Amino acid sequence: MLILEENLKKLPILPDIVTLLLNLKSSENYDTKKLLELIHRDPILTSRILHLANSKFFGFTNTIDTPGQAISLYGMNFTIAVCISEIVNNTLKFDLDAYDITYYKFNLVNELSFKVMLDWLDESDADLKEDLIIPIFLHNIGKFIISSYLKQENKINKFKAIYRNSDVSKVERDFVGISSCELSSMVLKDWGFDQKNLDMIFYMGNPYLSTSNKKAVAVLSVINTLCSFTRPMSSDSIQLALLKAKDYDLDFEKLKNIIDRLSINYKNS
């Protein structure tokens, strides 16, 4: 745990563009021109936005060719969240060896998670959708740090031997003393992210402990279960996610229909 704490003290500083993006999001002035200016500073951001916007999960027949088109389709908050998550992922060393996840698979799980959230919540939950976008894309970054730590400690193989058939959060706590979602919340706090986002991510392992944003935390918990790193869209993950949706009094039937529709695309990815 001491080495993990030392690693947290050595977290890199996020580029200034993240602060500019977060300020643009919080100002709610919908300055598309300013957002496009920020995106065009980094070709990687343009590439990531277009890749996600053209994902097979969204099923558009026409190709989305520009970030401006993506903004028109998905909105400012979606585009800002994608930019921020890409910058964060590139700032942290991408290391998910302990979880046997490639960069391609990591992005695929994020895309699937976002699509489930987008389709599951209806128009009456428009504000909730906006609140969940950043947590959807960033709640797994704690796994980067845990994986790096386990590598330093030569514990990756031991971790792999246990976590696939166990409660991942419990195994993480056994090895490093904290779950990855709690760690993600801590990292984002150090980087100055909004407290609402921090709380959603911190309590997603147990929504009943959350004192606010209970529905958001419950939705995030269900989606994280469904799109888990260990068994995304597996029969076990689907069954557990649906049980959680019932337990949290969320729309079970709608989620079931969405899963039936999206599972085909995921299995063919």
Protein backbone atom coordinates (compact mmCIF):
# COMPACT_ATOMS: atom_id res chain seq x y z
CA MET A 1 0.00 0.00 0.00
CA LEU A 2 2.93 2.33 0.68
CA ILE A 3 4.13 2.07 -2.93
CA LEU A 4 0.59 2.77 -4.14
CA GLU A 5 0.48 5.92 -2.00
CA GLU A 6 3.84 6.99 -3.41
CA ASN A 7 2.52 6.46 -6.93
CA LEU A 8 -0.46 8.70 -6.17
CA LYS A 9 1.90 11.46 -5.02
CA LYS A 10 3.65 11.24 -8.39
CA LEU A 11 0.53 11.67 -10.51
CA PRO A 12 1.25 13.81 -13.56
CA ILE A 13 -0.35 17.22 -13.90
CA LEU A 14 -3.15 17.28 -16.43
CA PRO A 15 -2.65 19.55 -19.45
CA ASP A 16 -4.24 22.99 -19.22
CA ILE A 17 -6.74 22.04 -21.91
CA VAL A 18 -8.61 19.88 -19.37
CA THR A 19 -9.27 22.91 -17.17
CA LEU A 20 -10.46 24.83 -20.23
CA LEU A 21 -12.79 21.98 -21.18
CA LEU A 22 -14.18 21.65 -17.65
CA ASN A 23 -14.73 25.42 -17.48
CA LEU A 24 -16.52 25.31 -20.81
CA LYS A 25 -18.74 22.52 -19.52
CA SER A 26 -19.57 24.26 -16.24
CA SER A 27 -20.28 27.60 -17.92
CA GLU A 28 -23.14 26.00 -19.90
CA ASN A 29 -22.89 28.70 -22.56
CA TYR A 30 -22.73 26.10 -25.34
CA ASP A 31 -19.84 27.80 -27.10
CA THR A 32 -19.39 25.29 -29.93
CA LYS A 33 -16.82 27.46 -31.67
CA LYS A 34 -14.59 27.51 -28.58
CA LEU A 35 -14.92 23.76 -28.14
CA LEU A 36 -13.93 23.12 -31.75
CA GLU A 37 -10.91 25.39 -31.30
CA LEU A 38 -9.77 23.28 -28.35
CA ILE A 39 -10.35 20.02 -30.21
CA HIS A 40 -8.37 21.14 -33.23
CA ARG A 41 -5.34 21.75 -31.03
CA ASP A 42 -4.83 18.00 -30.81
CA PRO A 43 -5.42 15.66 -33.78
CA ILE A 44 -5.74 12.72 -31.37
CA LEU A 45 -8.91 14.28 -29.92
CA THR A 46 -10.45 14.62 -33.36
CA SER A 47 -9.60 11.01 -34.14
CA ARG A 48 -11.09 9.69 -30.89
CA ILE A 49 -14.31 11.69 -31.22
CA LEU A 50 -14.88 10.50 -34.77
CA HIS A 51 -14.04 6.91 -33.86
CA LEU A 52 -16.59 6.89 -31.05
CA ALA A 53 -19.23 8.78 -33.00
CA ASN A 54 -18.95 6.20 -35.80
CA SER A 55 -19.01 3.21 -33.47
CA LYS A 56 -21.23 0.35 -34.63
CA PHE A 57 -23.16 0.65 -31.36
CA PHE A 58 -24.76 3.88 -32.57
CA GLY A 59 -25.84 2.50 -35.92
CA PHE A 60 -25.73 5.64 -38.04
CA THR A 61 -25.92 4.90 -41.76
CA ASN A 62 -24.02 8.07 -42.71
CA THR A 63 -20.42 8.54 -41.63
CA ILE A 64 -19.73 11.37 -39.19
CA ASP A 65 -16.77 13.21 -40.72
CA THR A 66 -16.15 16.16 -38.41
CA PRO A 67 -16.18 16.94 -34.67
CA GLY A 68 -18.80 19.59 -35.45
CA GLN A 69 -21.18 16.90 -36.68
CA ALA A 70 -20.51 14.86 -33.53
CA ILE A 71 -21.33 17.88 -31.36
CA SER A 72 -24.58 18.42 -33.26
CA LEU A 73 -25.59 14.78 -32.76
CA TYR A 74 -24.46 14.11 -29.19
CA GLY A 75 -24.12 17.54 -27.63
CA MET A 76 -21.40 19.56 -25.94
CA ASN A 77 -21.14 17.45 -22.78
CA PHE A 78 -20.62 14.23 -24.71
CA THR A 79 -17.85 15.75 -26.81
CA ILE A 80 -16.18 17.38 -23.81
CA ALA A 81 -16.30 14.13 -21.82
CA VAL A 82 -14.72 12.18 -24.70
CA CYS A 83 -11.96 14.80 -24.99
CA ILE A 84 -11.27 14.78 -21.25
CA SER A 85 -11.23 10.98 -21.01
CA GLU A 86 -8.82 10.73 -23.94
CA ILE A 87 -6.48 13.30 -22.38
CA VAL A 88 -6.63 11.58 -18.99
CA ASN A 89 -5.94 8.18 -20.55
CA ASN A 90 -2.97 9.59 -22.45
CA THR A 91 -1.66 11.42 -19.37
CA LEU A 92 -1.73 8.31 -17.23
CA LYS A 93 0.33 5.40 -18.45
CA PHE A 94 -2.13 2.98 -20.05
CA ASP A 95 -1.46 -0.19 -18.09
CA LEU A 96 -4.19 -2.76 -17.69
CA ASP A 97 -2.03 -5.88 -17.84
CA ALA A 98 -3.36 -7.07 -14.50
CA TYR A 99 -6.89 -7.05 -15.94
CA ASP A 100 -5.96 -8.58 -19.32
CA ILE A 101 -7.53 -5.65 -21.14
CA THR A 102 -6.12 -4.16 -24.34
CA TYR A 103 -6.53 -0.52 -25.31
CA TYR A 104 -9.00 -1.58 -28.01
CA LYS A 105 -11.09 -3.59 -25.54
CA PHE A 106 -10.96 -0.76 -23.00
CA ASN A 107 -12.41 1.69 -25.51
CA LEU A 108 -14.99 -0.85 -26.66
CA VAL A 109 -16.26 -1.32 -23.10
CA ASN A 110 -16.46 2.47 -22.66
CA GLU A 111 -18.41 2.82 -25.91
CA LEU A 112 -20.81 0.07 -24.89
CA SER A 113 -21.29 1.60 -21.43
CA PHE A 114 -22.09 4.98 -22.92
CA LYS A 115 -24.56 3.50 -25.40
CA VAL A 116 -26.38 1.56 -22.67
CA MET A 117 -26.70 4.73 -20.58
CA LEU A 118 -27.83 6.79 -23.57
CA ASP A 119 -30.58 4.32 -24.54
CA TRP A 120 -31.66 3.31 -21.05
CA LEU A 121 -32.39 6.77 -19.67
CA ASP A 122 -35.27 8.59 -21.29
CA GLU A 123 -35.80 12.30 -21.99
CA SER A 124 -37.11 12.94 -18.48
CA ASP A 125 -33.61 11.99 -17.27
CA ALA A 126 -31.80 14.39 -19.63
CA ASP A 127 -29.96 16.09 -16.76
CA LEU A 128 -28.98 12.72 -15.32
CA LYS A 129 -27.52 11.68 -18.69
CA GLU A 130 -25.38 14.80 -18.74
CA ASP A 131 -24.18 14.16 -15.18
CA LEU A 132 -23.21 10.57 -15.96
CA ILE A 133 -21.12 11.13 -19.08
CA ILE A 134 -17.81 11.90 -17.37
CA PRO A 135 -18.20 9.14 -14.70
CA ILE A 136 -19.04 6.64 -17.48
CA PHE A 137 -15.77 7.37 -19.24
CA LEU A 138 -13.48 7.91 -16.23
CA HIS A 139 -14.57 5.54 -13.46
CA ASN A 140 -12.03 2.89 -14.49
CA ILE A 141 -8.85 4.99 -14.40
CA GLY A 142 -8.01 3.70 -10.91
CA LYS A 143 -7.37 0.34 -12.55
CA PHE A 144 -4.39 1.86 -14.40
CA ILE A 145 -2.75 2.70 -11.10
CA ILE A 146 -3.59 -0.64 -9.49
CA SER A 147 -2.22 -2.54 -12.49
CA SER A 148 0.99 -0.52 -12.43
CA TYR A 149 1.34 -1.09 -8.68
CA LEU A 150 0.81 -4.85 -9.00
CA LYS A 151 3.47 -4.96 -11.69
CA GLN A 152 5.93 -3.15 -9.42
CA GLU A 153 5.16 -5.65 -6.67
CA ASN A 154 5.33 -8.69 -8.98
CA LYS A 155 1.77 -9.62 -8.02
CA ILE A 156 0.07 -9.51 -11.41
CA ASN A 157 -0.08 -13.27 -11.93
CA LYS A 158 -1.44 -13.84 -8.44
CA PHE A 159 -4.06 -11.15 -9.03
CA LYS A 160 -5.07 -12.62 -12.39
CA ALA A 161 -5.47 -16.07 -10.87
CA ILE A 162 -8.08 -14.77 -8.44
CA TYR A 163 -10.00 -11.83 -9.83
CA ARG A 164 -11.73 -13.32 -12.88
CA ASN A 165 -14.00 -15.56 -10.81
CA SER A 166 -14.41 -13.22 -7.85
CA ASP A 167 -15.82 -9.87 -6.86
CA VAL A 168 -13.30 -7.56 -8.53
CA SER A 169 -13.67 -4.77 -5.96
CA LYS A 170 -13.08 -7.21 -3.11
CA VAL A 171 -9.96 -8.63 -4.79
CA GLU A 172 -8.67 -5.09 -5.40
CA ARG A 173 -9.15 -4.27 -1.72
CA ASP A 174 -7.39 -7.48 -0.70
CA PHE A 175 -4.37 -6.57 -2.82
CA VAL A 176 -4.13 -2.79 -2.47
CA GLY A 177 -6.55 -1.82 0.32
CA ILE A 178 -8.96 0.12 -1.92
CA SER A 179 -11.29 -0.52 -4.84
CA SER A 180 -10.50 0.91 -8.25
CA CYS A 181 -13.63 3.09 -8.29
CA GLU A 182 -12.68 4.62 -4.94
CA LEU A 183 -9.17 5.14 -6.26
CA SER A 184 -10.52 6.75 -9.44
CA SER A 185 -12.49 9.19 -7.30
CA MET A 186 -9.36 10.08 -5.31
CA VAL A 187 -7.32 10.70 -8.45
CA LEU A 188 -9.99 12.89 -10.00
CA LYS A 189 -10.28 14.84 -6.76
CA ASP A 190 -6.57 15.64 -6.91
CA TRP A 191 -7.14 16.88 -10.44
CA GLY A 192 -9.98 19.18 -9.40
CA PHE A 193 -13.00 17.42 -10.86
CA ASP A 194 -16.51 18.26 -9.68
CA GLN A 195 -17.56 16.73 -6.35
CA LYS A 196 -20.75 15.34 -7.89
CA ASN A 197 -18.70 13.25 -10.31
CA LEU A 198 -16.40 12.12 -7.50
CA ASP A 199 -19.31 10.92 -5.35
CA MET A 200 -20.94 8.99 -8.19
CA ILE A 201 -17.73 7.11 -8.90
CA PHE A 202 -16.76 6.59 -5.25
CA TYR A 203 -20.08 5.01 -4.24
CA MET A 204 -20.83 3.02 -7.40
CA GLY A 205 -19.67 -0.17 -5.68
CA ASN A 206 -22.44 0.30 -3.09
CA PRO A 207 -25.08 2.87 -4.12
CA TYR A 208 -26.93 2.47 -0.80
CA LEU A 209 -24.09 4.32 0.93
CA SER A 210 -24.53 7.36 -1.28
CA THR A 211 -26.27 10.28 0.39
CA SER A 212 -27.04 12.11 -2.87
CA ASN A 213 -27.38 11.36 -6.59
CA LYS A 214 -28.68 7.92 -5.64
CA LYS A 215 -30.25 7.17 -9.02
CA ALA A 216 -27.12 8.24 -10.89
CA VAL A 217 -24.93 6.05 -8.69
CA ALA A 218 -27.32 3.10 -9.11
CA VAL A 219 -27.37 3.47 -12.91
CA LEU A 220 -23.57 3.67 -12.98
CA SER A 221 -23.33 0.57 -10.77
CA VAL A 222 -25.62 -1.45 -13.04
CA ILE A 223 -23.79 -0.41 -16.21
CA ASN A 224 -20.42 -1.16 -14.62
CA THR A 225 -21.67 -4.65 -13.74
CA LEU A 226 -23.00 -5.26 -17.23
CA CYS A 227 -19.82 -3.96 -18.90
CA SER A 228 -17.34 -5.32 -16.39
CA PHE A 229 -13.73 -5.76 -17.45
CA THR A 230 -13.77 -9.41 -16.42
CA ARG A 231 -16.91 -10.55 -18.25
CA PRO A 232 -18.48 -7.75 -20.34
CA MET A 233 -21.92 -8.74 -21.63
CA SER A 234 -21.49 -12.32 -20.41
CA SER A 235 -24.55 -14.23 -19.22
CA ASP A 236 -23.38 -13.85 -15.60
CA SER A 237 -22.83 -10.10 -15.98
CA ILE A 238 -26.20 -9.64 -17.67
CA GLN A 239 -28.02 -11.61 -14.97
CA LEU A 240 -26.34 -9.69 -12.14
CA ALA A 241 -26.91 -6.32 -13.83
CA LEU A 242 -30.61 -7.07 -14.27
CA LEU A 243 -30.91 -8.18 -10.64
CA LYS A 244 -29.29 -4.91 -9.55
CA ALA A 245 -31.64 -2.91 -11.77
CA LYS A 246 -34.60 -4.57 -10.06
CA ASP A 247 -33.08 -4.08 -6.62
CA TYR A 248 -32.47 -0.37 -7.27
CA ASP A 249 -35.99 0.03 -8.69
CA LEU A 250 -34.73 1.01 -12.15
CA ASP A 251 -36.40 0.19 -15.47
CA PHE A 252 -35.65 -3.53 -15.68
CA GLU A 253 -37.63 -4.35 -18.83
CA LYS A 254 -36.16 -1.51 -20.85
CA LEU A 255 -32.64 -2.51 -19.83
CA LYS A 256 -33.32 -6.13 -20.81
CA ASN A 257 -34.47 -5.05 -24.27
CA ILE A 258 -31.39 -2.87 -24.72
CA ILE A 259 -29.09 -5.71 -23.72
CA ASP A 260 -30.78 -8.08 -26.19
CA ARG A 261 -30.22 -5.56 -28.97
CA LEU A 262 -26.66 -4.53 -28.16
CA SER A 263 -25.26 -7.94 -27.26
CA ILE A 264 -25.21 -8.98 -30.93
CA ASN A 265 -23.08 -6.00 -31.92
CA TYR A 266 -20.76 -6.55 -28.98
CA LYS A 267 -20.21 -10.23 -29.69
CA ASN A 268 -19.37 -9.37 -33.31
CA SER A 269 -16.82 -6.71 -32.30
